Protein backbone atom coordinates (compact mmCIF):
# COMPACT_ATOMS: atom_id res chain seq x y z
CA MET A 1 179.49 105.61 99.57
CA THR A 2 178.82 106.02 103.27
CA LYS A 3 179.70 109.72 103.05
CA LYS A 4 177.31 110.25 100.11
CA LEU A 5 174.52 108.40 101.96
CA THR A 6 175.05 110.58 105.00
CA ILE A 7 174.85 113.74 102.90
CA PHE A 8 171.66 112.43 101.23
CA VAL A 9 170.00 111.63 104.56
CA LEU A 10 170.89 115.04 105.99
CA SER A 11 169.59 116.80 102.90
CA PHE A 12 166.35 114.82 103.02
CA ALA A 13 165.91 115.70 106.69
CA VAL A 14 166.37 119.38 105.93
CA LEU A 15 163.69 119.16 103.23
CA ILE A 16 161.29 117.45 105.63
CA MET A 17 161.88 120.15 108.22
CA PHE A 18 161.39 122.88 105.60
CA PHE A 19 158.09 121.54 104.31
CA GLY A 20 157.00 120.73 107.84
CA ILE A 21 157.38 124.38 108.83
CA ILE A 22 155.35 125.49 105.82
CA SER A 23 152.61 122.96 106.39
CA SER A 24 152.38 123.82 110.09
CA ASN A 25 150.80 127.08 109.00
CA ASN A 26 147.91 125.10 107.48
CA LEU A 27 146.93 122.88 110.36
CA PRO A 28 143.74 120.90 109.81
CA LYS A 29 140.68 122.00 111.70
CA ASN A 30 140.95 119.28 114.35
CA SER A 31 144.72 119.35 114.68
CA LYS A 32 146.21 118.72 118.10
CA VAL A 33 149.60 120.07 117.00
CA LYS A 34 150.64 122.93 119.25
CA ALA A 35 151.65 126.11 117.43
CA GLU A 36 155.10 127.44 118.22
CA VAL A 37 154.17 130.63 120.06
CA LEU A 38 156.43 132.77 122.18
CA VAL A 39 154.84 133.39 125.59
CA ASN A 40 155.34 137.09 126.31
CA GLU A 41 153.56 140.21 127.46
CA SER A 42 153.92 142.44 124.40
CA CYS A 43 151.76 140.51 121.93
CA ASN A 44 151.98 142.91 119.01
CA ASP A 45 149.87 142.75 115.85
CA THR A 46 152.52 140.85 113.91
CA GLU A 47 152.65 138.11 116.50
CA VAL A 48 148.87 137.79 116.54
CA ALA A 49 148.70 137.63 112.75
CA ASP A 50 151.23 134.77 112.66
CA HIS A 51 148.95 131.85 113.35
CA PRO A 52 148.10 128.41 111.96
CA VAL A 53 145.30 128.60 109.42
CA LEU A 54 141.94 126.97 110.13
CA MET A 55 139.99 125.42 107.28
CA LYS A 56 136.28 124.80 107.71
CA GLU A 57 134.50 122.77 105.09
CA ASN A 58 131.03 122.47 106.61
CA SER A 59 129.23 125.59 107.84
CA LYS A 60 126.69 123.51 109.75
CA THR A 61 129.29 122.05 112.08
CA ASN A 62 130.61 123.94 115.10
CA TYR A 63 134.36 123.52 115.37
CA ARG A 64 136.16 123.61 118.70
CA VAL A 65 139.50 125.41 118.74
CA ASN A 66 141.67 124.63 121.76
CA VAL A 67 143.75 127.54 123.06
CA LEU A 68 146.48 125.08 124.08
CA ASP A 69 147.03 124.36 120.39
CA TYR A 70 148.02 127.99 119.98
CA GLY A 71 150.57 128.08 122.76
CA ALA A 72 148.53 128.91 125.85
CA VAL A 73 149.91 127.39 129.04
CA GLY A 74 147.18 127.96 131.65
CA ASP A 75 149.50 127.94 134.66
CA GLY A 76 148.51 131.37 136.02
CA VAL A 77 152.10 132.64 135.66
CA ASN A 78 152.91 132.85 131.97
CA ASP A 79 151.07 135.47 129.93
CA ASP A 80 148.62 133.64 127.65
CA THR A 81 147.20 136.76 126.00
CA CYS A 82 149.03 136.45 122.71
CA SER A 83 148.18 132.77 122.33
CA ILE A 84 144.50 133.45 122.94
CA LEU A 85 144.45 136.33 120.48
CA ARG A 86 146.18 134.15 117.89
CA ALA A 87 143.47 131.54 118.24
CA ILE A 88 140.77 134.21 117.87
CA LYS A 89 142.50 135.65 114.80
CA ALA A 90 142.67 132.20 113.22
CA ILE A 91 138.95 131.72 113.85
CA GLU A 92 138.03 135.13 112.50
CA ASP A 93 140.12 134.60 109.39
CA ALA A 94 138.38 131.30 108.77
CA ASN A 95 134.98 132.68 109.74
CA ASP A 96 135.08 135.41 107.06
CA ASP A 97 132.05 137.13 108.57
CA ASN A 98 130.19 139.18 105.97
CA GLY A 99 126.88 139.21 107.79
CA THR A 100 125.74 135.75 106.67
CA ASN A 101 127.53 133.83 109.40
CA ARG A 102 124.59 134.39 111.72
CA PHE A 103 123.12 131.32 110.01
CA ASN A 104 126.22 129.18 110.56
CA SER A 105 127.11 127.20 113.67
CA GLY A 106 130.49 128.89 113.95
CA TYR A 107 133.45 128.14 116.21
CA THR A 108 134.04 127.54 119.90
CA LEU A 109 137.20 128.85 121.50
CA PHE A 110 137.82 126.20 124.14
CA PHE A 111 139.78 126.58 127.39
CA PRO A 112 140.65 123.34 129.21
CA GLU A 113 140.98 123.49 132.99
CA GLY A 114 143.68 125.95 133.98
CA THR A 115 144.37 129.56 134.95
CA TYR A 116 145.01 131.74 131.91
CA ARG A 117 146.75 135.00 132.69
CA ILE A 118 145.74 137.86 130.39
CA THR A 119 147.13 141.38 130.13
CA LYS A 120 145.07 142.76 127.24
CA THR A 121 141.42 142.75 126.21
CA ILE A 122 140.05 139.55 124.69
CA LYS A 123 137.65 140.78 121.99
CA ILE A 124 135.26 138.91 119.69
CA THR A 125 134.04 140.90 116.69
CA GLU A 126 132.31 138.28 114.52
CA SER A 127 129.11 136.25 114.77
CA ASN A 128 128.87 132.70 116.11
CA ILE A 129 132.15 132.63 117.99
CA ARG A 130 131.75 131.28 121.50
CA ILE A 131 134.12 131.17 124.46
CA GLU A 132 133.79 127.97 126.47
CA GLY A 133 135.65 126.60 129.46
CA ALA A 134 135.70 123.14 130.99
CA ASN A 135 133.88 124.45 134.07
CA SER A 136 133.58 127.71 136.01
CA SER A 137 135.43 126.34 139.04
CA ASN A 138 138.72 125.36 137.42
CA THR A 139 138.80 127.29 134.14
CA ILE A 140 139.89 130.84 134.92
CA LEU A 141 140.74 133.96 132.93
CA TYR A 142 143.02 135.75 135.37
CA ALA A 143 144.01 139.45 135.41
CA LYS A 144 145.28 140.68 138.77
CA ASP A 145 144.99 144.44 139.38
CA ALA A 146 143.50 144.85 135.90
CA THR A 147 142.48 148.35 134.76
CA PHE A 148 141.32 147.29 131.29
CA ASP A 149 138.22 145.61 129.87
CA LEU A 150 138.77 141.86 130.03
CA VAL A 151 136.34 140.16 127.60
CA ILE A 152 134.21 141.96 125.00
CA PHE A 153 131.73 140.62 122.45
CA ASP A 154 131.69 143.69 120.23
CA GLY A 155 128.92 144.26 117.68
CA THR A 156 129.42 148.02 117.50
CA LYS A 157 130.03 148.04 113.74
CA GLN A 158 127.68 145.16 112.94
CA ALA A 159 125.38 143.24 115.25
CA LEU A 160 126.78 139.85 116.24
CA TYR A 161 124.56 136.77 116.26
CA GLY A 162 125.06 133.65 118.36
CA SER A 163 128.26 134.65 120.13
CA GLY A 164 128.47 133.95 123.86
CA ILE A 165 130.34 132.47 126.81
CA SER A 166 129.93 129.54 129.18
CA ASN A 167 131.63 127.43 131.87
CA ILE A 168 134.35 129.87 132.87
CA LYS A 169 135.49 132.21 135.65
CA ILE A 170 136.75 135.74 134.99
CA TYR A 171 138.93 136.66 137.95
CA SER A 172 140.42 140.10 138.57
CA PRO A 173 141.33 140.49 142.24
CA ASN A 174 142.93 143.20 144.37
CA SER A 175 143.29 146.78 143.12
CA THR A 176 141.08 146.91 140.03
CA THR A 177 140.11 150.57 139.70
CA SER A 178 138.57 150.59 136.21
CA GLY A 179 137.47 148.29 133.40
CA VAL A 180 134.63 145.83 132.81
CA ALA A 181 135.02 142.08 133.21
CA LEU A 182 132.51 141.01 130.54
CA GLN A 183 130.71 143.16 127.95
CA PHE A 184 128.05 142.40 125.35
CA ILE A 185 127.73 145.21 122.80
CA ASN A 186 124.86 144.82 120.31
CA ILE A 187 124.69 141.02 120.54
CA ILE A 188 121.62 139.06 119.37
CA ASN A 189 120.53 135.47 120.01
CA SER A 190 123.09 134.68 122.67
CA ILE A 191 122.99 131.96 125.34
CA ASN A 192 125.42 132.33 128.24
CA GLU A 193 125.65 130.06 131.26
CA ASN A 194 127.72 128.94 134.24
CA VAL A 195 129.93 132.01 134.50
CA GLU A 196 131.55 133.52 137.57
CA ILE A 197 132.86 137.07 137.53
CA SER A 198 134.98 137.89 140.55
CA GLY A 199 136.74 141.03 141.72
CA SER A 200 136.47 143.38 138.75
CA TYR A 201 135.59 147.09 138.89
CA ASP A 202 132.44 146.63 136.78
CA GLY A 203 131.19 143.08 136.34
CA LEU A 204 128.74 142.41 133.49
CA ARG A 205 127.65 145.16 131.08
CA VAL A 206 125.01 144.73 128.37
CA SER A 207 124.78 147.53 125.78
CA GLY A 208 121.92 147.21 123.31
CA GLY A 209 121.22 143.89 121.65
CA GLY A 210 118.37 141.47 122.17
CA LYS A 211 117.36 137.88 122.89
CA LEU A 212 120.21 137.43 125.34
CA TYR A 213 119.98 134.68 127.95
CA PHE A 214 122.10 134.53 131.09
CA HIS A 215 121.80 131.41 133.25
CA ASP A 216 123.65 130.63 136.49
CA PHE A 217 125.83 133.73 136.74
CA LEU A 218 127.69 134.60 139.95
CA LEU A 219 128.89 138.20 140.17
CA THR A 220 131.02 138.88 143.22
CA GLN A 221 133.44 141.60 144.31
CA THR A 222 134.26 140.44 147.81
CA ASN A 223 137.92 139.72 147.02
CA ARG A 224 138.85 143.29 146.12
CA THR A 225 141.20 145.46 148.14
CA GLN A 226 139.08 147.07 150.85
CA GLY A 227 138.26 150.78 150.66
CA LEU A 228 138.76 151.23 146.92
CA GLU A 229 136.13 152.89 144.77
CA ILE A 230 134.02 150.26 143.09
CA GLY A 231 131.70 150.13 140.10
CA LYS A 232 128.63 147.98 139.49
CA SER A 233 128.18 144.23 139.29
CA LEU A 234 125.56 144.50 136.51
CA ILE A 235 124.85 147.34 134.07
CA LEU A 236 122.33 147.66 131.24
CA ASP A 237 122.77 150.73 129.03
CA GLY A 238 121.60 152.10 125.70
CA LYS A 239 124.88 153.27 124.20
CA VAL A 240 124.31 151.31 120.98
CA GLY A 241 120.57 150.70 121.25
CA ILE A 242 118.00 149.72 123.84
CA PRO A 243 118.60 146.27 125.39
CA SER A 244 115.46 144.25 124.66
CA ASP A 245 114.31 140.74 125.46
CA ILE A 246 117.04 140.10 128.04
CA HIS A 247 116.64 137.13 130.39
CA PHE A 248 118.42 136.34 133.66
CA THR A 249 117.87 133.09 135.56
CA ASN A 250 119.64 132.06 138.77
CA LEU A 251 121.67 135.26 138.95
CA GLN A 252 123.58 135.77 142.22
CA ILE A 253 125.17 139.12 143.11
CA VAL A 254 127.51 139.35 146.10
CA PRO A 255 129.05 142.83 146.39
CA ASN A 256 131.67 144.49 148.51
CA LYS A 257 128.95 145.89 150.72
CA ASP A 258 131.20 148.26 152.69
CA ASN A 259 131.60 150.71 149.80
CA GLN A 260 129.02 149.74 147.18
CA PRO A 261 125.50 151.02 147.97
CA TYR A 262 124.17 150.09 144.52
CA THR A 263 125.43 146.95 142.82
CA VAL A 264 123.10 147.08 139.81
CA LEU A 265 122.48 149.96 137.40
CA PHE A 266 119.73 149.98 134.78
CA GLU A 267 120.01 152.93 132.37
CA SER A 268 118.07 151.50 129.46
CA GLY A 269 115.95 148.46 128.67
CA ASP A 270 112.61 147.29 127.33
CA GLY A 271 111.62 143.74 128.18
CA VAL A 272 114.04 142.50 130.84
CA PHE A 273 113.27 139.41 132.91
CA PHE A 274 114.72 138.14 136.20
CA THR A 275 113.72 134.75 137.58
CA SER A 276 115.04 133.07 140.75
CA CYS A 277 117.69 135.71 141.38
CA HIS A 278 119.40 137.01 144.53
CA PHE A 279 120.53 140.64 144.67
CA HIS A 280 122.85 141.71 147.46
CA GLY A 281 123.11 145.49 147.43
CA GLY A 282 120.80 148.05 145.85
CA VAL A 283 119.26 148.09 142.37
CA LEU A 284 119.28 151.53 140.76
CA PHE A 285 116.98 152.55 137.89
CA ARG A 286 118.37 155.73 136.32
CA PRO A 287 117.41 156.34 132.66
CA ASP A 288 120.01 157.46 130.13
CA ALA A 289 119.55 159.67 127.10
CA LYS A 290 117.78 156.92 125.11
CA GLY A 291 114.68 157.71 127.13
CA VAL A 292 113.34 154.15 127.49
CA LEU A 293 113.35 152.21 130.73
CA ALA A 294 110.33 149.95 130.71
CA SER A 295 108.92 146.46 131.21
CA PHE A 296 111.16 144.91 133.82
CA PHE A 297 109.87 141.71 135.43
CA PHE A 298 111.16 140.21 138.70
CA SER A 299 109.80 136.90 139.97
CA ASN A 300 110.90 134.57 142.78
CA THR A 301 113.67 137.02 143.61
CA TYR A 302 115.37 138.07 146.85
CA PHE A 303 116.53 141.66 147.39
CA ASP A 304 118.90 141.37 150.31
CA SER A 305 120.95 143.90 152.31
CA ALA A 306 121.85 147.34 150.96
CA LEU A 307 123.44 150.46 152.38
CA ASP A 308 120.60 152.63 151.04
CA ALA A 309 117.45 151.48 149.22
CA LEU A 310 117.07 147.96 147.86
CA VAL A 311 115.35 149.37 144.76
CA LEU A 312 115.62 153.04 143.78
CA PHE A 313 113.87 154.75 140.87
CA GLU A 314 115.22 158.18 139.92
CA GLY A 315 115.55 160.50 136.95
CA SER A 316 113.11 160.70 134.04
CA ALA A 317 112.47 159.06 130.68
CA ASP A 318 110.10 159.33 127.73
CA SER A 319 108.96 155.81 128.59
CA TYR A 320 109.32 155.02 132.30
CA ARG A 321 106.75 152.36 133.09
CA ASN A 322 105.81 148.72 133.72
CA PHE A 323 107.89 147.31 136.56
CA MET A 324 106.50 144.05 137.89
CA PHE A 325 107.65 142.45 141.14
CA SER A 326 105.97 139.15 142.03
CA ASN A 327 106.84 136.61 144.73
CA VAL A 328 109.73 138.71 146.01
CA TYR A 329 111.36 139.35 149.39
CA PHE A 330 112.95 142.63 150.49
CA ARG A 331 115.13 142.63 153.61
CA ASP A 332 117.62 144.79 155.51
CA ALA A 333 118.13 148.26 154.03
CA LYS A 334 117.15 151.86 154.67
CA ASP A 335 114.14 151.63 152.33
CA GLY A 336 112.72 148.66 150.47
CA VAL A 337 111.50 150.54 147.37
CA ARG A 338 112.12 154.27 146.98
CA ILE A 339 110.59 156.32 144.17
CA ASN A 340 112.38 159.61 143.63
CA THR A 341 111.89 160.37 139.95
CA THR A 342 111.90 163.82 138.33
CA GLY A 343 109.45 162.65 135.65
CA VAL A 344 106.32 160.53 135.69
CA ILE A 345 106.74 156.83 136.41
CA SER A 346 103.74 154.52 136.00
CA ASN A 347 102.52 150.98 136.43
CA ILE A 348 104.72 149.65 139.18
CA SER A 349 103.18 146.42 140.42
CA LEU A 350 104.41 144.87 143.67
CA SER A 351 102.49 141.77 144.74
CA ASN A 352 102.87 138.61 146.80
CA ALA A 353 105.83 140.07 148.63
CA LYS A 354 107.37 140.56 152.04
CA MET A 355 109.27 143.60 153.31
CA SER A 356 111.10 143.41 156.59
CA GLU A 357 113.84 144.99 158.69
CA MET A 358 114.06 148.37 156.92
CA SER A 359 115.53 151.09 159.07
CA ALA A 360 113.10 153.65 157.58
CA PHE A 361 110.36 152.75 155.05
CA GLY A 362 109.09 149.68 153.25
CA ILE A 363 107.82 151.78 150.31
CA ASN A 364 108.86 155.42 150.15
CA THR A 365 107.66 157.85 147.44
CA VAL A 366 109.74 161.00 147.70
CA THR A 367 107.98 162.88 144.87
CA GLU A 368 104.42 162.93 143.56
CA ARG A 369 105.36 161.44 140.16
CA LEU A 370 104.05 157.91 140.79
CA VAL A 371 100.81 157.06 138.94
CA ASP A 372 98.61 154.04 138.19
CA SER A 373 100.54 151.59 140.36
CA ILE A 374 99.40 148.83 142.67
CA PHE A 375 100.81 147.35 145.88
CA SER A 376 98.91 144.23 146.92
CA ASN A 377 99.26 141.11 149.02
CA ILE A 378 102.31 142.35 150.89
CA ILE A 379 103.47 141.55 154.41
CA PHE A 380 105.32 144.38 156.17
CA SER A 381 107.30 143.12 159.15
CA ASN A 382 109.36 145.15 161.64
CA ASN A 383 110.23 148.10 159.45
CA ASN A 384 111.05 151.59 160.77
CA GLU A 385 113.78 150.17 162.95
CA GLU A 386 114.82 153.75 163.73
CA ASN A 387 111.56 154.05 165.72
CA SER A 388 110.62 157.39 164.17
CA ILE A 389 107.06 158.66 164.39
CA THR A 390 107.50 160.18 160.92
CA GLN A 391 108.31 156.86 159.27
CA GLY A 392 106.42 153.66 158.60
CA ASP A 393 105.65 150.90 156.14
CA ILE A 394 104.28 152.98 153.23
CA LEU A 395 104.57 156.68 152.44
CA LEU A 396 102.54 157.34 149.29
CA MET A 397 102.54 160.36 146.99
CA GLY A 398 101.11 160.54 143.47
CA TYR A 399 97.71 159.73 142.04
CA GLY A 400 95.61 156.81 140.85
CA ASN A 401 97.49 154.22 142.89
CA ILE A 402 96.09 151.27 144.86
CA ILE A 403 97.17 149.69 148.14
CA SER A 404 95.29 146.46 148.74
CA ASN A 405 95.39 143.44 151.04
CA THR A 406 98.40 144.39 153.12
CA ILE A 407 99.41 142.96 156.50
CA HIS A 408 101.40 145.12 158.90
CA GLN A 409 103.41 143.68 161.79
CA ASN A 410 105.79 145.60 164.00
CA LYS A 411 107.07 144.87 167.50
CA ASN A 412 109.25 147.95 167.72
CA SER A 413 108.41 150.21 170.65
CA ASN A 414 107.50 153.19 168.47
CA SER A 415 106.43 151.93 165.07
CA GLY A 416 105.21 155.19 163.56
CA TYR A 417 102.43 154.46 161.05
CA ALA A 418 101.46 151.67 158.70
CA ILE A 419 100.35 153.87 155.78
CA LEU A 420 100.68 157.61 155.22
CA LEU A 421 98.89 159.23 152.27
CA HIS A 422 100.93 162.38 151.81
CA GLN A 423 99.45 165.81 151.13
CA PHE A 424 100.76 165.40 147.59
CA SER A 425 98.57 162.33 147.03
CA SER A 426 95.19 162.28 145.31
CA GLY A 427 92.73 159.79 143.90
CA ASN A 428 94.42 156.80 145.51
CA THR A 429 92.64 153.79 147.01
CA VAL A 430 93.53 151.91 150.19
CA GLU A 431 91.60 148.77 151.07
CA THR A 432 91.78 145.69 153.29
CA VAL A 433 94.58 146.66 155.64
CA VAL A 434 95.28 144.27 158.53
CA THR A 435 97.58 144.63 161.53
CA SER A 436 98.83 142.00 163.94
CA ARG A 437 101.32 142.00 166.81
CA SER A 438 101.97 145.69 166.21
CA ASN A 439 102.74 148.91 168.08
CA TYR A 440 101.81 151.41 165.39
CA LYS A 441 100.94 154.88 166.69
CA GLN A 442 98.52 155.24 163.77
CA LEU A 443 97.37 152.72 161.19
CA ILE A 444 96.39 154.97 158.27
CA ILE A 445 96.99 158.71 157.96
CA ASN A 446 95.25 160.49 155.09
CA ASN A 447 96.58 163.97 154.40
CA GLY A 448 95.83 163.89 150.68
CA LEU A 449 92.91 164.81 148.45
CA ASP A 450 90.13 162.55 147.18
CA ASN A 451 91.77 159.39 148.46
CA VAL A 452 89.45 156.46 149.18
CA ILE A 453 90.02 154.30 152.25
CA ARG A 454 88.19 151.02 152.74
CA LYS A 455 89.44 149.25 155.84
């Protein structure tokens, strides 16, 4: 009797284990059961496909999926790539995105505090899937010496709606010689906040898309191996469409200044807004083949320290116009704003600003392509630190431009000039120019044609 009972109990236990294994592949949506995942570096397609199934009954509810439930460790040593990809695959299988999920609340892929080592790209390809950490100080996606793209929201085949990232740090230190830390490709209606990107080759890239909001982003590359070639902290391009209605608030860029003259590259965009931002390193406007680089707005922003110009316009575009700078400060570079385009650029407005400590020029137009622009209510302080008689606060070429209500201060022993209207300038207006505590050799030099000067 005892022997039969023992056999029965053992058989029953085997059945429980059998059905338990089967049912573990259908974990409920809020399950805290950790999936049995091998932590390894290969992470092939079969391993990713083998995941617990998520079931979502209410499309109006956003479900949080914890990466720890899929085998992630978060200790900075074990490779968590496969576990993360399993969790994403489970979400995408449940999401069943056929284009209508833009109206659903979707899923959140949640990372508790920890350091998650990744060795392959983390890619989101469906709408309304968000990546969220506990906080950007202690929740880290870690890829030392990475030469691959780390995180991509990819709407190349079909625009993604509502996908985004928040409360996390993407950390790729040392010898990163290629790859982008965070990419948004054709993403629409996306809110992203409290993100730090540290040490990557390229930091944040936005390709096409619209109605994207970035709040409290820190982009830094100071922890890279010194002397290596470096990319850009921020890039906007038109590879899959023109980025439109893009908003940045409280953006901080801290580059590896020793070998990164331009930290920001704008190749395409129409309706891009920066508020309360701090740019270390230069900002380069260089249009791509899409031919539209227009309507950029900078307010309450600090352009600080660059190896060359703080803002450089070059190249040409079918639509190269409307750049508004208001309540801004430019400090410590060769030039503050340099305009060196091969095509016409129009409607640059720089107002309520201060430019100081440039080694050459505050505003420097290298070609005569600037038209219909205005520079007003600007304080120029101690520029032309090289003490050259051929340099000064403003060198203006082009036509139909206005310089108004400017104050010029310079204590340098040989301050050159305050304003030079070049021989390739015509039909420009200069009015209400004031100097104080200055050693300018000449205040205004007019070598152009039909320029109007009202002191």
